[in-house]
Amino acid sequence: MYQDLSSNLKLLCSYYDSIAQVCRELDINRSQFNRYLTGRYKPSASTLRKLCDFFGVEEYELMLPAPQFARLIQVRPRPSAEPVASRIENEHLALLHKASGTQMDKYLGYYFEYYLSMAVPGKILRNLICIEKQNDGVFYQRTERLRESATDPAYHSKYLGVVVFLTDRIFMADYESLATNEVTETILIPSYKNRINRLNGLRLGVPANGVRTPSCTRVVMEYLGAQVDVRKALGLCGLYHLDDKAIDDSIREAVKNDMQPGEWHFRARSS
């Protein structure tokens, strides 16, 4: 029996929200961890090292008599449920979500996103975006399907991000979750109509391949609905020639990256 080990693990777990959280962050099976908490089993050498690294204790300390271990822990900085940096990030996100309030509720659902491709100049790229509410915030996923020609293999990218409505603009920031090689920001002009049709704005990022020159492009998001056939929608994503009839003329005009005489800054076009 390993009652001291059991008591010491329970004490360390008490600094976290739940045992389930500890198991998730340790990437350890809950039933396996429960066996250690009962005091009937001792972790293997590798698992014991993993536990010590996670909780910030030494192996011999974890095996100390429970009262002695408790005194030792009392005089040390308490184990943190999250890294400090993570807590700071969460505070900033919580502040932004609070400022955004419920204004994003009407914009939840699926969209086609259109812009002139940064990776393949001269073609329009159509992506699928899903904006949804999770817990106390609004998040989104952008799925990009890139194939330069019919004979080339298709490359898929998945961007995960956060979206907030601040004053009178929609701000979207995401990162490429598969390669983690870029972050993009999109700013959109909201719709003041009862029925959402399209949102116009600007997108800032870098090409996924070749020279990674920071670039800005006009973007249009076309609302599809709260629910769609995702498989069919993804089948329509990809690169299109500028004169392709599958792209509406109004969208083609809206994503053109030109500047009018007298314009000093690259600006989004309103709907």
Protein backbone atom coordinates (compact mmCIF):
# COMPACT_ATOMS: atom_id res chain seq x y z
CA MET A 1 0.00 0.00 0.00
CA TYR A 2 1.21 3.51 -0.83
CA GLN A 3 -0.99 5.66 1.38
CA ASP A 4 1.55 8.49 1.71
CA LEU A 5 1.94 8.67 -2.05
CA SER A 6 -1.85 8.69 -2.38
CA SER A 7 -2.27 11.50 0.18
CA ASN A 8 0.51 13.56 -1.41
CA LEU A 9 -1.00 13.26 -4.89
CA LYS A 10 -4.43 14.25 -3.55
CA LEU A 11 -2.91 17.31 -1.90
CA LEU A 12 -1.23 18.38 -5.15
CA CYS A 13 -4.45 17.82 -7.12
CA SER A 14 -6.37 20.00 -4.66
CA TYR A 15 -4.65 23.07 -6.14
CA TYR A 16 -6.36 22.39 -9.49
CA ASP A 17 -9.99 22.74 -10.49
CA SER A 18 -10.49 19.00 -10.77
CA ILE A 19 -8.70 15.66 -11.10
CA ALA A 20 -10.02 15.51 -14.66
CA GLN A 21 -8.07 18.69 -15.47
CA VAL A 22 -4.89 17.16 -14.03
CA CYS A 23 -5.36 14.02 -16.12
CA ARG A 24 -5.93 16.07 -19.28
CA GLU A 25 -2.83 18.19 -18.77
CA LEU A 26 -0.75 15.14 -17.84
CA ASP A 27 -2.19 13.23 -20.80
CA ILE A 28 -2.80 10.28 -18.50
CA ASN A 29 -5.78 7.93 -18.34
CA ARG A 30 -8.23 8.88 -15.56
CA SER A 31 -8.79 5.30 -14.40
CA GLN A 32 -5.02 4.73 -14.30
CA PHE A 33 -4.53 7.88 -12.22
CA ASN A 34 -7.33 6.84 -9.85
CA ARG A 35 -5.36 3.67 -9.09
CA TYR A 36 -2.52 5.81 -7.75
CA LEU A 37 -4.95 7.89 -5.71
CA THR A 38 -6.30 4.77 -3.99
CA GLY A 39 -2.80 3.98 -2.70
CA ARG A 40 -2.89 0.43 -4.04
CA TYR A 41 -0.49 0.99 -6.92
CA LYS A 42 2.79 2.82 -7.42
CA PRO A 43 3.45 4.55 -10.78
CA SER A 44 6.15 3.20 -13.04
CA ALA A 45 9.48 5.04 -13.06
CA SER A 46 8.60 6.96 -16.24
CA THR A 47 5.12 7.90 -14.98
CA LEU A 48 6.54 8.94 -11.62
CA ARG A 49 9.02 11.23 -13.38
CA LYS A 50 6.16 12.67 -15.43
CA LEU A 51 4.15 13.37 -12.27
CA CYS A 52 7.11 15.04 -10.56
CA ASP A 53 7.86 17.26 -13.57
CA PHE A 54 4.21 18.30 -13.76
CA PHE A 55 3.79 19.11 -10.05
CA GLY A 56 7.29 20.53 -9.59
CA VAL A 57 8.47 18.11 -6.88
CA GLU A 58 11.24 15.54 -6.56
CA GLU A 59 10.58 11.80 -6.55
CA TYR A 60 11.81 11.31 -2.99
CA GLU A 61 9.59 14.20 -1.85
CA LEU A 62 6.52 12.59 -3.35
CA MET A 63 7.20 9.48 -1.26
CA LEU A 64 7.62 11.39 2.04
CA PRO A 65 5.19 10.83 4.94
CA ALA A 66 2.04 12.85 4.24
CA PRO A 67 2.39 15.31 7.19
CA GLN A 68 6.02 16.08 6.26
CA PHE A 69 5.09 16.53 2.58
CA ALA A 70 2.22 18.87 3.52
CA ARG A 71 4.59 21.07 5.52
CA LEU A 72 7.04 21.10 2.61
CA ILE A 73 4.34 22.19 0.14
CA GLN A 74 3.03 24.90 2.48
CA VAL A 75 6.32 26.83 2.33
CA ARG A 76 6.67 26.57 -1.44
CA PRO A 77 4.88 28.54 -4.14
CA ARG A 78 1.63 26.74 -4.79
CA PRO A 79 1.30 24.63 -7.93
CA SER A 80 -0.46 26.65 -10.58
CA ALA A 81 -3.36 25.28 -12.60
CA GLU A 82 -2.12 27.26 -15.60
CA PRO A 83 1.16 28.83 -16.69
CA VAL A 84 1.32 32.54 -15.85
CA ALA A 85 1.44 33.47 -19.53
CA SER A 86 -1.69 31.43 -20.20
CA ARG A 87 -3.57 33.14 -17.38
CA ILE A 88 -2.60 36.56 -18.75
CA GLU A 89 -3.79 35.61 -22.22
CA ASN A 90 -7.08 34.36 -20.81
CA GLU A 91 -7.58 37.63 -18.95
CA HIS A 92 -7.10 39.61 -22.16
CA LEU A 93 -9.45 37.32 -24.09
CA ALA A 94 -12.08 37.53 -21.35
CA LEU A 95 -11.89 41.33 -21.46
CA LEU A 96 -12.36 41.39 -25.24
CA HIS A 97 -15.25 38.92 -25.15
CA LYS A 98 -16.93 40.98 -22.44
CA ALA A 99 -16.54 44.16 -24.52
CA SER A 100 -17.95 42.32 -27.53
CA GLY A 101 -21.02 41.20 -25.57
CA THR A 102 -23.75 39.51 -27.60
CA GLN A 103 -23.25 41.61 -30.72
CA MET A 104 -21.71 38.66 -32.59
CA ASP A 105 -24.74 36.44 -32.06
CA LYS A 106 -26.41 37.42 -35.35
CA TYR A 107 -23.20 36.61 -37.25
CA LEU A 108 -22.86 32.99 -36.10
CA GLY A 109 -22.87 30.39 -38.87
CA TYR A 110 -21.06 29.53 -42.09
CA TYR A 111 -19.51 31.79 -44.71
CA PHE A 112 -17.64 31.57 -47.98
CA GLU A 113 -14.60 33.84 -47.80
CA TYR A 114 -13.22 35.40 -51.00
CA TYR A 115 -9.97 37.27 -51.63
CA LEU A 116 -7.18 37.46 -54.18
CA SER A 117 -4.80 34.66 -53.23
CA MET A 118 -1.48 35.68 -51.69
CA ALA A 119 0.11 32.33 -52.54
CA VAL A 120 -1.14 32.20 -56.15
CA PRO A 121 -1.34 35.78 -57.49
CA GLY A 122 -4.04 36.49 -60.06
CA LYS A 123 -6.59 33.99 -58.74
CA ILE A 124 -9.48 34.28 -56.31
CA LEU A 125 -9.43 31.97 -53.32
CA ARG A 126 -12.70 30.75 -51.81
CA ASN A 127 -12.53 29.36 -48.24
CA LEU A 128 -15.10 28.07 -45.76
CA ILE A 129 -15.46 29.78 -42.38
CA CYS A 130 -17.53 28.63 -39.42
CA ILE A 131 -18.19 31.14 -36.60
CA GLU A 132 -19.61 29.64 -33.41
CA LYS A 133 -20.11 30.40 -29.76
CA GLN A 134 -18.08 28.39 -27.25
CA ASN A 135 -18.45 28.96 -23.52
CA ASP A 136 -18.26 32.73 -23.02
CA GLY A 137 -16.60 33.63 -26.32
CA VAL A 138 -17.00 33.51 -30.10
CA PHE A 139 -14.46 31.54 -32.13
CA TYR A 140 -14.08 30.43 -35.72
CA GLN A 141 -12.42 27.96 -38.04
CA ARG A 142 -11.26 28.78 -41.56
CA THR A 143 -10.68 25.83 -43.88
CA GLU A 144 -8.55 26.53 -46.93
CA ARG A 145 -8.24 24.16 -49.90
CA LEU A 146 -5.44 25.12 -52.26
CA ARG A 147 -4.80 23.39 -55.59
CA GLU A 148 -2.96 25.34 -58.28
CA SER A 149 -4.01 23.05 -61.14
CA ALA A 150 -6.16 19.99 -61.73
CA THR A 151 -3.08 17.75 -61.74
CA ASP A 152 -1.59 19.14 -58.52
CA PRO A 153 -2.43 17.67 -55.11
CA ALA A 154 -4.77 19.70 -52.90
CA TYR A 155 -3.31 21.29 -49.79
CA HIS A 156 -5.56 21.88 -46.83
CA SER A 157 -4.97 24.47 -44.13
CA LYS A 158 -7.02 24.96 -40.98
CA TYR A 159 -7.00 28.29 -39.18
CA LEU A 160 -8.41 28.65 -35.67
CA GLY A 161 -9.16 32.02 -34.19
CA VAL A 162 -11.18 34.39 -32.07
CA VAL A 163 -13.66 37.02 -33.23
CA VAL A 164 -14.93 40.08 -31.35
CA PHE A 165 -17.27 42.96 -32.16
CA LEU A 166 -15.75 46.19 -30.86
CA THR A 167 -17.71 49.44 -31.30
CA ASP A 168 -18.64 49.22 -34.98
CA ARG A 169 -16.16 46.73 -36.45
CA ILE A 170 -15.65 42.96 -36.42
CA PHE A 171 -12.10 41.85 -35.61
CA MET A 172 -10.89 38.33 -36.42
CA ALA A 173 -7.45 36.93 -35.53
CA ASP A 174 -6.33 33.36 -36.18
CA TYR A 175 -3.34 31.07 -36.61
CA GLU A 176 -2.65 28.18 -38.97
CA SER A 177 -3.16 25.20 -36.66
CA LEU A 178 -1.54 22.44 -38.75
CA ALA A 179 1.82 24.04 -39.57
CA THR A 180 1.66 26.89 -37.02
CA ASN A 181 3.56 29.08 -39.47
CA GLU A 182 1.39 32.19 -39.68
CA VAL A 183 -1.10 34.48 -37.98
CA THR A 184 -3.71 36.49 -39.90
CA GLU A 185 -6.01 39.36 -38.99
CA THR A 186 -9.25 40.33 -40.69
CA ILE A 187 -11.30 43.47 -40.01
CA LEU A 188 -14.85 43.55 -41.34
CA ILE A 189 -17.58 46.18 -41.69
CA PRO A 190 -20.69 44.76 -40.00
CA SER A 191 -24.11 44.53 -41.62
CA TYR A 192 -26.87 46.77 -40.30
CA LYS A 193 -29.58 44.90 -42.20
CA ASN A 194 -31.88 42.37 -40.57
CA ARG A 195 -30.64 39.68 -42.95
CA ILE A 196 -26.89 39.19 -43.33
CA ASN A 197 -25.71 38.82 -46.91
CA ARG A 198 -22.06 39.84 -47.24
CA LEU A 199 -19.38 41.39 -45.06
CA ASN A 200 -16.54 43.40 -46.59
CA GLY A 201 -13.16 44.16 -45.09
CA LEU A 202 -9.40 43.74 -45.22
CA ARG A 203 -7.21 40.72 -44.49
CA LEU A 204 -3.56 40.98 -43.43
CA GLY A 205 -1.22 38.02 -43.60
CA VAL A 206 1.61 36.32 -45.46
CA PRO A 207 1.62 33.82 -48.35
CA ALA A 208 1.69 30.21 -47.13
CA ASN A 209 4.44 29.39 -49.62
CA GLY A 210 7.25 31.15 -51.44
CA VAL A 211 8.40 34.57 -50.26
CA ARG A 212 6.56 35.37 -47.04
CA THR A 213 6.03 39.05 -47.74
CA PRO A 214 3.42 40.67 -45.47
CA SER A 215 0.41 41.43 -47.66
CA CYS A 216 -2.99 43.07 -47.36
CA THR A 217 -5.99 42.19 -49.50
CA ARG A 218 -9.67 43.05 -49.72
CA VAL A 219 -11.94 40.30 -48.49
CA VAL A 220 -15.62 39.42 -48.82
CA MET A 221 -17.45 37.00 -46.54
CA GLU A 222 -20.68 35.61 -48.00
CA TYR A 223 -23.17 34.31 -45.42
CA LEU A 224 -24.40 30.76 -46.12
CA GLY A 225 -26.57 30.05 -43.09
CA ALA A 226 -26.53 28.60 -39.59
CA GLN A 227 -26.17 25.06 -40.99
CA VAL A 228 -24.74 23.82 -44.28
CA ASP A 229 -23.66 20.59 -45.93
CA VAL A 230 -19.99 20.98 -44.98
CA ARG A 231 -18.77 18.34 -47.43
CA LYS A 232 -20.44 20.07 -50.38
CA ALA A 233 -19.33 23.49 -49.20
CA LEU A 234 -15.71 22.36 -48.95
CA GLY A 235 -16.03 20.86 -52.44
CA LEU A 236 -16.69 24.38 -53.75
CA CYS A 237 -13.62 25.84 -52.04
CA GLY A 238 -10.36 26.47 -53.86
CA LEU A 239 -8.76 28.72 -56.47
CA TYR A 240 -10.78 30.34 -59.27
CA HIS A 241 -9.69 32.30 -62.33
CA LEU A 242 -10.69 35.96 -62.30
CA ASP A 243 -13.17 35.42 -65.13
CA ASP A 244 -14.65 32.20 -63.73
CA LYS A 245 -18.46 32.34 -63.92
CA ALA A 246 -18.68 30.58 -60.55
CA ILE A 247 -17.68 33.88 -58.93
CA ASP A 248 -20.33 36.62 -58.89
CA ASP A 249 -19.36 39.82 -60.68
CA SER A 250 -20.12 41.85 -57.54
CA ILE A 251 -17.71 39.71 -55.50
CA ARG A 252 -15.07 39.94 -58.22
CA GLU A 253 -15.30 43.73 -58.11
CA ALA A 254 -15.31 43.86 -54.30
CA VAL A 255 -12.04 41.94 -53.91
CA LYS A 256 -10.06 43.93 -56.49
CA ASN A 257 -6.99 45.44 -54.87
CA ASP A 258 -6.92 48.78 -56.63
CA MET A 259 -6.72 52.34 -55.30
CA GLN A 260 -8.63 55.37 -56.53
CA PRO A 261 -6.93 58.71 -57.27
CA GLY A 262 -6.44 60.67 -54.06
CA GLU A 263 -6.48 57.60 -51.81
CA TRP A 264 -3.50 57.49 -49.47
CA HIS A 265 -4.34 54.28 -47.67
CA PHE A 266 -5.55 50.87 -48.76
CA ARG A 267 -9.13 50.76 -47.51
CA ALA A 268 -11.96 48.26 -47.33
CA ARG A 269 -14.93 48.81 -49.59
CA SER A 270 -18.33 49.05 -47.94
CA SER A 271 -21.14 46.79 -49.16
